Amino acid sequence: MKTLRLIQLALKYHWDAHKSNPANLIAGVLGMVVNNIIVLWGLWAMLFDGKPDGQALTIYFLSLNAMITIAWGSICYFIGGVRSLGEYIEEGTLEPMLATPRNPLVLVGISQSITPALGDILQGLCNLVALFFLAPADMVFRCILFTFSSGVAFLGLFILTGSIPFFVRRGNALAQLLLECNLSLSFYPTGKIFTDKGRFLLFLTPAAVTGVLPMQAIENGHWSTAFIAVVGAMCFFGFSILIFNLGLKKYQTSSYVSARA
């Protein structure tokens, strides 16, 4: 409860700061919405438009984009500092946070709120509304449910990639590259595009738990697929926390910041 209260206070502070410049706030949110619409319909026109099973593909595509944009956008808006975890490690900004009794990941998370991510959330909610008219009610419910699963996996991905600078000098650039690559693999309908060996390789990436497995559970509604998707997301998140803690021990027992200077 204390952590939730801390997040709430941080969000209020960030929101008050953004309200002081409403033009930038509106431009950022609308810009993200426009960007998402262009990408969404551009992908549709390129991959699915005109195909005989267009109705089923429309439902799949809307579900995928609703899940990914809401999951990604929620993390970036509510605890956006995790997006900059690697930068904090490289620049030594993480060090003062270790002097407090609070979990450093919580402090990193609440340090930023990426307001344009509200555009992602808004776009995802619009996709959900469209699904209510096009898809069966149980599929819409599964889309909402597995958005949480995808969000847990994405949070783990932010932490895992952000921990790279613990082990690799100037690793933040690599962390951001891996993060964006996985977002592309999750956001694009790779579950429909890749087959056989390509699909096997896809399952070896974090996109399996951030996008592919949750989307399979949404589409087919099988309990076995749902179980694998949820357990996979939880295990991946736990693994990310483990790697972060290992890196943190290394960070605390070495003159990390002075070495970089």
Protein backbone atom coordinates (compact mmCIF):
# COMPACT_ATOMS: atom_id res chain seq x y z
CA MET A 1 0.00 0.00 0.00
CA LYS A 2 2.86 2.39 0.76
CA THR A 3 4.31 1.74 -2.69
CA LEU A 4 0.96 2.47 -4.37
CA ARG A 5 0.64 5.67 -2.37
CA LEU A 6 4.16 6.67 -3.44
CA ILE A 7 3.30 6.04 -7.09
CA GLN A 8 0.10 8.06 -6.70
CA LEU A 9 1.96 11.03 -5.22
CA ALA A 10 4.62 10.85 -7.93
CA LEU A 11 1.97 10.80 -10.66
CA LYS A 12 0.26 13.81 -9.12
CA TYR A 13 3.57 15.68 -9.09
CA HIS A 14 4.35 14.74 -12.70
CA TRP A 15 0.83 15.62 -13.86
CA ASP A 16 0.95 19.02 -12.16
CA ALA A 17 4.27 19.69 -13.90
CA HIS A 18 2.85 18.74 -17.31
CA LYS A 19 -0.31 20.81 -16.77
CA SER A 20 1.86 23.89 -16.50
CA ASN A 21 2.58 23.50 -20.23
CA PRO A 22 -0.70 22.21 -21.74
CA ALA A 23 0.41 22.81 -25.33
CA ASN A 24 3.27 20.33 -25.00
CA LEU A 25 1.01 17.88 -23.17
CA ILE A 26 -1.69 17.92 -25.86
CA ALA A 27 0.84 17.85 -28.70
CA GLY A 28 2.66 14.88 -27.18
CA VAL A 29 -0.49 12.81 -26.62
CA LEU A 30 -2.05 13.65 -30.00
CA GLY A 31 1.27 13.02 -31.74
CA MET A 32 1.45 9.54 -30.23
CA VAL A 33 -2.15 8.79 -31.23
CA VAL A 34 -1.51 9.91 -34.82
CA ASN A 35 1.69 7.87 -34.95
CA ASN A 36 -0.11 4.76 -33.70
CA ILE A 37 -2.95 5.19 -36.20
CA ILE A 38 -0.51 5.52 -39.10
CA VAL A 39 1.43 2.45 -38.00
CA LEU A 40 -1.73 0.44 -37.27
CA TRP A 41 -3.44 1.02 -40.58
CA GLY A 42 -0.20 0.99 -42.52
CA LEU A 43 0.54 -2.50 -41.23
CA TRP A 44 -3.02 -3.57 -41.96
CA ALA A 45 -2.83 -2.35 -45.55
CA MET A 46 0.56 -3.97 -46.05
CA LEU A 47 -0.14 -7.37 -44.48
CA PHE A 48 -3.84 -8.15 -44.37
CA ASP A 49 -5.96 -5.86 -46.55
CA GLY A 50 -7.79 -7.74 -49.30
CA LYS A 51 -7.16 -11.21 -47.87
CA PRO A 52 -10.19 -13.55 -47.81
CA ASP A 53 -9.99 -14.07 -44.04
CA GLY A 54 -9.89 -10.32 -43.44
CA GLN A 55 -12.58 -10.32 -40.74
CA ALA A 56 -10.71 -12.80 -38.54
CA LEU A 57 -7.44 -11.00 -39.17
CA THR A 58 -9.03 -7.68 -38.23
CA ILE A 59 -10.07 -9.06 -34.85
CA TYR A 60 -6.60 -10.55 -34.32
CA PHE A 61 -4.90 -7.31 -35.29
CA LEU A 62 -7.09 -5.11 -33.11
CA SER A 63 -6.62 -7.45 -30.13
CA LEU A 64 -2.86 -7.49 -30.54
CA ASN A 65 -2.56 -3.73 -30.82
CA ALA A 66 -4.94 -3.10 -27.92
CA MET A 67 -2.94 -5.42 -25.68
CA ILE A 68 0.50 -4.10 -26.62
CA THR A 69 -0.31 -0.37 -26.63
CA ILE A 70 -2.11 -0.47 -23.28
CA ALA A 71 0.57 -2.65 -21.64
CA TRP A 72 3.50 -0.60 -22.98
CA GLY A 73 1.77 2.75 -22.47
CA SER A 74 0.73 1.99 -18.89
CA ILE A 75 4.28 1.17 -17.84
CA CYS A 76 5.68 4.27 -19.56
CA TYR A 77 3.06 6.54 -17.99
CA PHE A 78 2.74 5.15 -14.46
CA ILE A 79 6.34 4.04 -13.81
CA GLY A 80 8.16 5.50 -16.81
CA GLY A 81 11.50 5.73 -15.03
CA VAL A 82 12.18 2.04 -15.70
CA ARG A 83 12.56 3.01 -19.36
CA SER A 84 15.67 4.97 -18.29
CA LEU A 85 17.08 2.38 -15.87
CA GLY A 86 20.15 1.75 -18.02
CA GLU A 87 20.81 5.49 -18.27
CA TYR A 88 20.51 5.87 -14.50
CA ILE A 89 23.07 3.10 -13.98
CA GLU A 90 25.53 4.54 -16.50
CA GLU A 91 25.30 8.09 -15.17
CA GLY A 92 25.39 7.11 -11.49
CA THR A 93 21.88 8.48 -10.82
CA LEU A 94 20.92 5.14 -9.27
CA GLU A 95 23.53 5.48 -6.50
CA PRO A 96 21.68 8.08 -4.34
CA MET A 97 18.55 5.91 -4.50
CA LEU A 98 20.41 3.11 -2.75
CA ALA A 99 20.83 5.29 0.34
CA THR A 100 17.10 5.13 1.09
CA PRO A 101 15.18 2.23 2.67
CA ARG A 102 12.88 1.97 -0.36
CA ASN A 103 13.28 -0.48 -3.20
CA PRO A 104 15.49 1.20 -5.83
CA LEU A 105 13.34 -0.14 -8.68
CA VAL A 106 10.31 1.62 -7.19
CA LEU A 107 12.26 4.87 -6.91
CA VAL A 108 13.50 4.52 -10.49
CA GLY A 109 9.98 3.82 -11.73
CA ILE A 110 8.32 6.82 -10.12
CA SER A 111 11.12 9.20 -11.11
CA GLN A 112 9.53 9.73 -14.53
CA SER A 113 6.12 9.74 -16.16
CA ILE A 114 6.21 9.67 -19.97
CA THR A 115 3.04 11.64 -20.65
CA PRO A 116 2.80 10.97 -24.43
CA ALA A 117 2.27 7.34 -23.43
CA LEU A 118 -1.29 8.43 -22.63
CA GLY A 119 -1.69 8.37 -26.42
CA ASP A 120 -0.77 4.68 -26.42
CA ILE A 121 -3.31 3.94 -23.70
CA LEU A 122 -6.00 5.97 -25.51
CA GLN A 123 -5.31 4.16 -28.79
CA GLY A 124 -5.48 0.78 -27.07
CA LEU A 125 -8.78 1.64 -25.41
CA CYS A 126 -10.21 2.70 -28.79
CA ASN A 127 -9.17 -0.67 -30.20
CA LEU A 128 -10.93 -2.39 -27.30
CA VAL A 129 -14.12 -0.45 -28.03
CA ALA A 130 -13.92 -1.57 -31.67
CA LEU A 131 -13.47 -5.16 -30.50
CA PHE A 132 -16.71 -4.98 -28.53
CA PHE A 133 -18.54 -4.57 -31.86
CA LEU A 134 -16.51 -7.06 -33.89
CA ALA A 135 -15.40 -9.87 -31.57
CA PRO A 136 -17.16 -12.30 -29.22
CA ALA A 137 -17.48 -11.02 -25.66
CA ASP A 138 -15.25 -13.76 -24.24
CA MET A 139 -12.43 -12.80 -26.61
CA VAL A 140 -12.68 -9.15 -25.52
CA PHE A 141 -12.50 -10.30 -21.91
CA ARG A 142 -9.40 -12.38 -22.67
CA CYS A 143 -7.80 -9.39 -24.39
CA ILE A 144 -8.28 -7.30 -21.24
CA LEU A 145 -7.01 -10.12 -19.02
CA PHE A 146 -3.86 -10.85 -21.01
CA THR A 147 -3.02 -7.17 -21.26
CA PHE A 148 -1.98 -7.55 -17.62
CA SER A 149 0.13 -10.60 -18.50
CA SER A 150 1.82 -8.69 -21.32
CA GLY A 151 2.37 -5.73 -18.99
CA VAL A 152 4.17 -7.91 -16.43
CA ALA A 153 6.38 -9.32 -19.19
CA PHE A 154 7.13 -5.84 -20.58
CA LEU A 155 8.03 -4.61 -17.10
CA GLY A 156 10.43 -7.55 -16.81
CA LEU A 157 11.88 -6.61 -20.20
CA PHE A 158 12.45 -3.00 -19.11
CA ILE A 159 14.27 -4.25 -16.00
CA LEU A 160 16.28 -6.92 -17.82
CA THR A 161 17.50 -4.68 -20.65
CA GLY A 162 18.01 -1.78 -18.23
CA SER A 163 20.33 -3.99 -16.15
CA ILE A 164 22.75 -4.50 -19.05
CA PRO A 165 24.96 -1.51 -18.03
CA PHE A 166 25.70 -3.35 -14.77
CA PHE A 167 27.68 -5.84 -16.82
CA VAL A 168 28.56 -4.07 -20.10
CA ARG A 169 30.30 -0.73 -20.35
CA ARG A 170 28.13 1.79 -22.20
CA GLY A 171 25.45 -0.87 -22.27
CA ASN A 172 22.48 1.51 -22.32
CA ALA A 173 22.62 1.89 -26.11
CA LEU A 174 22.44 -1.89 -26.45
CA ALA A 175 19.63 -2.00 -23.89
CA GLN A 176 17.52 0.51 -25.84
CA LEU A 177 18.17 -1.34 -29.11
CA LEU A 178 17.04 -4.67 -27.64
CA LEU A 179 14.00 -3.01 -26.09
CA GLU A 180 12.89 -1.46 -29.38
CA CYS A 181 13.54 -4.68 -31.31
CA ASN A 182 11.36 -6.64 -28.92
CA LEU A 183 8.63 -4.00 -29.12
CA SER A 184 8.62 -4.39 -32.90
CA LEU A 185 8.46 -8.20 -32.65
CA SER A 186 5.56 -7.88 -30.19
CA PHE A 187 3.64 -5.09 -31.93
CA TYR A 188 3.89 -6.53 -35.44
CA PRO A 189 1.66 -9.59 -36.04
CA THR A 190 4.64 -11.92 -35.97
CA GLY A 191 2.44 -14.74 -34.67
CA LYS A 192 0.68 -14.76 -38.04
CA ILE A 193 3.76 -14.01 -40.16
CA PHE A 194 6.38 -16.43 -38.84
CA THR A 195 5.96 -20.18 -39.24
CA ASP A 196 8.10 -23.30 -38.70
CA LYS A 197 11.73 -22.32 -37.96
CA GLY A 198 10.94 -18.62 -37.87
CA ARG A 199 8.27 -19.22 -35.25
CA PHE A 200 10.66 -21.39 -33.22
CA LEU A 201 13.25 -18.58 -33.21
CA LEU A 202 10.52 -16.12 -32.21
CA PHE A 203 9.82 -18.21 -29.12
CA LEU A 204 13.45 -17.82 -28.09
CA THR A 205 12.99 -14.04 -27.72
CA PRO A 206 11.16 -12.08 -24.97
CA ALA A 207 8.47 -11.35 -27.59
CA ALA A 208 7.14 -14.83 -26.81
CA VAL A 209 5.89 -13.65 -23.40
CA THR A 210 5.22 -10.00 -24.25
CA GLY A 211 3.15 -10.67 -27.37
CA VAL A 212 3.00 -14.07 -29.04
CA LEU A 213 1.84 -16.36 -26.22
CA PRO A 214 -0.69 -13.88 -24.75
CA MET A 215 -2.08 -13.36 -28.25
CA GLN A 216 -2.42 -17.11 -28.78
CA ALA A 217 -4.36 -17.33 -25.51
CA ILE A 218 -6.62 -14.47 -26.60
CA GLU A 219 -7.26 -16.03 -29.99
CA ASN A 220 -7.86 -19.69 -29.14
CA GLY A 221 -9.13 -19.43 -25.55
CA HIS A 222 -7.42 -22.65 -24.44
CA TRP A 223 -6.63 -22.92 -20.74
CA SER A 224 -3.33 -24.65 -21.47
CA THR A 225 -2.16 -21.72 -23.64
CA ALA A 226 -3.38 -19.24 -21.02
CA PHE A 227 -1.47 -21.08 -18.30
CA ILE A 228 1.75 -21.08 -20.34
CA ALA A 229 1.37 -17.37 -21.15
CA VAL A 230 0.82 -16.35 -17.51
CA VAL A 231 3.52 -18.60 -16.06
CA GLY A 232 5.93 -17.53 -18.80
CA ALA A 233 5.36 -13.84 -18.01
CA MET A 234 5.82 -14.40 -14.27
CA CYS A 235 8.98 -16.48 -14.73
CA PHE A 236 10.44 -13.92 -17.11
CA PHE A 237 9.69 -11.12 -14.65
CA GLY A 238 11.27 -13.13 -11.81
CA PHE A 239 14.35 -13.79 -13.95
CA SER A 240 14.66 -10.06 -14.69
CA ILE A 241 14.52 -9.21 -10.98
CA LEU A 242 17.20 -11.84 -10.32
CA ILE A 243 19.52 -10.34 -12.96
CA PHE A 244 18.91 -6.83 -11.61
CA ASN A 245 19.77 -7.94 -8.06
CA LEU A 246 22.94 -9.64 -9.27
CA GLY A 247 23.95 -6.47 -11.09
CA LEU A 248 23.05 -4.36 -8.08
CA LYS A 249 25.42 -6.36 -5.88
CA LYS A 250 28.16 -5.78 -8.43
CA TYR A 251 27.26 -2.07 -8.52
CA GLN A 252 27.36 -1.75 -4.72
CA THR A 253 30.66 -3.60 -4.26
CA SER A 254 32.66 -1.71 -6.89
CA SER A 255 33.58 1.91 -7.49
CA TYR A 256 31.25 1.84 -10.47
CA VAL A 257 30.60 5.55 -10.88
CA SER A 258 34.18 6.65 -10.25
CA ALA A 259 35.43 4.04 -12.74
CA ARG A 260 33.22 5.56 -15.43
CA ALA A 261 34.46 9.03 -14.61
